[in-house]
Amino acid sequence: MFGRATITLGIGPHSSSEYSSFMPVTSGIPHGSVLGPLSFVIYVNDLPMYVKNFADCSLFADNAKLSRYVSNQEDSADLQKGFCALKEWSDYWLLKLNTRMWANAQRDGRPAEPR
């Protein structure tokens, strides 16, 4: 994105109801636009192809899920390769990943606590 800027207005009892200064928008999908969701889908549509040899990838809205049944060291190594492929993909497209949303699974398949 080039030539786009954003501004914030503080509203509420703890804000001064003043505008911030304009800040350049260098990446992302315009929020509130009709084409925003479609643009995002097009933007991430190739992600499953990057990881398909190592893990399954499911896309829903603005979330991606990598998964693989792990029964041995080779499966575990392939899953790690999938995460590395995800990182390479995100670096290529200059997309910052929200690692606070990442979680792992225990050996018995139950979800573990997010890190």
Foldseek 3Di string as FASTA:
>chain_A
DPPDWDKDADDDDPDPRDIDDIDDDDDAFDPPDPCRQVVVCVVCVCLQVQLVVQFGWDDDRPDIDTDDQDDDPVNVVSSVVSVVSNVVSCVVSVHDDDQQPDWDADNVGHTDDRD
